[in-house]
Protein backbone atom coordinates (compact mmCIF):
# COMPACT_ATOMS: atom_id res chain seq x y z
CA LEU A 1 10.51 -2.24 12.52
CA ASP A 2 10.86 -4.88 15.40
CA ASN A 3 7.89 -7.03 14.22
CA ILE A 4 9.36 -6.66 10.37
CA GLY A 5 12.31 -8.12 11.75
CA ASN A 6 10.84 -10.69 13.83
CA ALA A 7 8.87 -11.86 10.96
CA SER A 8 9.09 -15.30 9.04
CA TYR A 9 9.21 -15.92 5.67
CA GLN A 10 5.57 -16.89 5.91
CA ASP A 11 4.59 -14.01 7.98
CA LEU A 12 5.82 -11.56 5.56
CA LYS A 13 4.17 -13.83 2.90
CA ALA A 14 0.52 -13.11 4.18
CA VAL A 15 0.86 -9.58 3.93
CA ASP A 16 -1.00 -8.13 1.09
CA GLY A 17 1.18 -6.60 -1.55
CA ILE A 18 4.12 -9.03 -0.15
CA GLY A 19 5.64 -11.51 -2.32
CA GLU A 20 8.37 -14.07 -2.53
CA ILE A 21 10.81 -11.42 -3.78
CA VAL A 22 9.79 -8.89 -1.34
CA ALA A 23 9.80 -11.10 1.90
CA GLU A 24 13.34 -12.69 0.57
CA SER A 25 14.82 -9.21 0.85
CA LEU A 26 13.10 -8.41 4.29
CA LEU A 27 14.55 -11.33 5.73
CA ALA A 28 18.24 -11.02 4.34
CA TRP A 29 17.79 -6.93 4.88
CA PHE A 30 17.22 -7.92 8.77
CA ILE A 31 19.73 -10.57 9.47
CA ASP A 32 22.80 -8.47 8.13
CA ASP A 33 25.15 -7.62 10.69
CA ASP A 34 25.44 -3.82 9.35
CA ASN A 35 21.98 -3.15 9.12
CA GLN A 36 21.75 -4.62 12.30
CA ALA A 37 23.88 -1.91 13.89
CA LEU A 38 22.44 0.61 11.95
CA LEU A 39 19.22 -0.03 13.78
CA ALA A 40 20.58 -0.37 17.19
CA LYS A 41 21.96 3.03 16.28
CA PHE A 42 18.79 4.64 15.56
CA LYS A 43 17.42 3.01 18.74
CA ARG A 44 20.21 4.66 20.51
CA LEU A 45 19.81 8.12 18.85
CA GLY A 46 16.33 7.89 19.72
CA VAL A 47 15.17 7.55 16.08
CA TRP A 48 12.60 4.82 15.63
CA PRO A 49 9.09 4.93 14.30
CA GLU A 50 5.78 5.32 16.50
CA ASP A 51 3.65 2.34 15.86
CA VAL A 52 0.51 3.57 14.03
CA LYS A 53 -2.64 3.78 15.54
CA ARG A 54 -5.11 2.71 13.36
CA THR A 55 -8.50 4.80 13.29
CA VAL A 56 -11.73 2.65 14.29
CA GLY A 57 -14.70 3.97 11.96
CA LYS A 58 -17.44 2.18 9.50
CA LEU A 59 -14.94 1.67 7.01
CA ASN A 60 -12.46 -0.74 9.53
CA ASP A 61 -10.57 -3.07 7.38
CA VAL A 62 -12.32 -2.44 4.04
CA SER A 63 -9.92 -1.52 1.34
CA PHE A 64 -10.25 0.49 -1.45
CA VAL A 65 -8.30 0.95 -4.98
CA ILE A 66 -9.38 3.85 -7.55
CA THR A 67 -8.94 3.62 -10.78
CA GLY A 68 -9.31 6.39 -13.31
CA THR A 69 -10.31 10.08 -12.16
CA LEU A 70 -12.94 10.74 -9.66
CA GLU A 71 -14.76 13.53 -10.66
CA SER A 72 -15.82 15.02 -7.36
CA MET A 73 -12.59 14.84 -4.82
CA GLY A 74 -8.88 14.41 -5.94
CA ARG A 75 -7.58 10.55 -5.34
CA ASP A 76 -5.11 11.93 -2.56
CA TYR A 77 -8.39 13.31 -0.41
CA ALA A 78 -10.85 10.22 -1.19
CA ALA A 79 -7.29 8.25 0.75
CA GLU A 80 -7.97 10.73 3.33
CA ARG A 81 -11.43 10.70 3.78
CA ILE A 82 -10.96 6.45 3.32
CA ARG A 83 -8.17 6.16 6.08
CA SER A 84 -10.14 8.99 8.66
CA LEU A 85 -13.17 6.39 8.53
CA GLY A 86 -11.19 3.60 9.47
CA GLY A 87 -10.59 1.97 5.82
CA VAL A 88 -7.20 1.11 3.89
CA PHE A 89 -5.97 3.06 0.64
CA GLN A 90 -4.20 0.71 -1.55
CA SER A 91 -2.47 1.86 -5.01
CA SER A 92 -3.07 -1.51 -6.39
CA VAL A 93 -5.63 -4.23 -6.54
CA GLY A 94 -4.75 -7.76 -4.59
CA LYS A 95 -6.37 -10.36 -2.51
CA GLY A 96 -7.35 -8.12 0.26
CA THR A 97 -8.93 -5.37 -1.75
CA THR A 98 -12.77 -5.09 -1.19
CA TYR A 99 -13.69 -2.60 -3.51
CA LEU A 100 -12.25 -1.08 -6.95
CA VAL A 101 -13.60 2.25 -7.35
CA MET A 102 -13.83 2.96 -11.07
CA GLY A 103 -13.65 6.99 -11.77
CA VAL A 104 -13.55 8.79 -15.42
CA LYS A 105 -11.14 7.24 -18.07
CA ALA A 106 -10.22 4.18 -15.89
CA GLY A 107 -8.01 1.74 -17.52
CA ASN A 108 -9.02 -1.78 -17.89
CA SER A 109 -5.93 -3.87 -16.05
CA LYS A 110 -6.97 -2.97 -12.60
CA ALA A 111 -10.81 -4.23 -13.58
CA ILE A 112 -9.68 -7.05 -14.97
CA LYS A 113 -7.67 -8.47 -12.01
CA ALA A 114 -10.43 -7.56 -9.73
CA GLU A 115 -12.70 -9.89 -11.46
CA LYS A 116 -10.15 -12.81 -11.38
CA LEU A 117 -9.83 -11.88 -7.50
CA GLY A 118 -13.44 -11.60 -7.00
CA VAL A 119 -13.15 -7.80 -5.79
CA LYS A 120 -16.09 -5.95 -6.16
CA VAL A 121 -16.25 -3.08 -8.73
CA ILE A 122 -18.35 -0.11 -7.31
CA SER A 123 -19.13 3.45 -9.04
CA GLU A 124 -17.73 7.13 -7.89
CA SER A 125 -21.56 7.51 -6.46
CA GLU A 126 -21.30 4.22 -4.55
CA LEU A 127 -17.94 5.25 -3.07
CA LEU A 128 -19.54 8.54 -2.12
CA GLU A 129 -22.45 6.90 -0.61
CA LEU A 130 -20.02 4.92 1.70
CA LEU A 131 -18.02 7.61 2.71
CA SER A 132 -21.13 9.56 3.76
């Protein structure tokens, strides 16, 4: 939270998935005196999130979005496997997405966005190879 509170507008906008509105909202929230008092109270009470320790693995910094249904595993399990190998699981395609995994009955909107952004589209079997 300290890092978010100290971030500039440009720092926030550089994060995949954060646009102008979210960046402005975050800045406004952290500037507010009442919110600062609330954060200070949380710190005094020992209520403060720990830094997330990143897993380093063969998928380090590789990000995935899944569209449709996977036949071999549930979405939550796939996300867990990706993260366990150092990868990032995302809910929507963005400029930082590496792969869009096309499952059964996948819609077209994510595929169209992936194509526009140059994101590689892979099959479930290709995902399984990456996870093995």
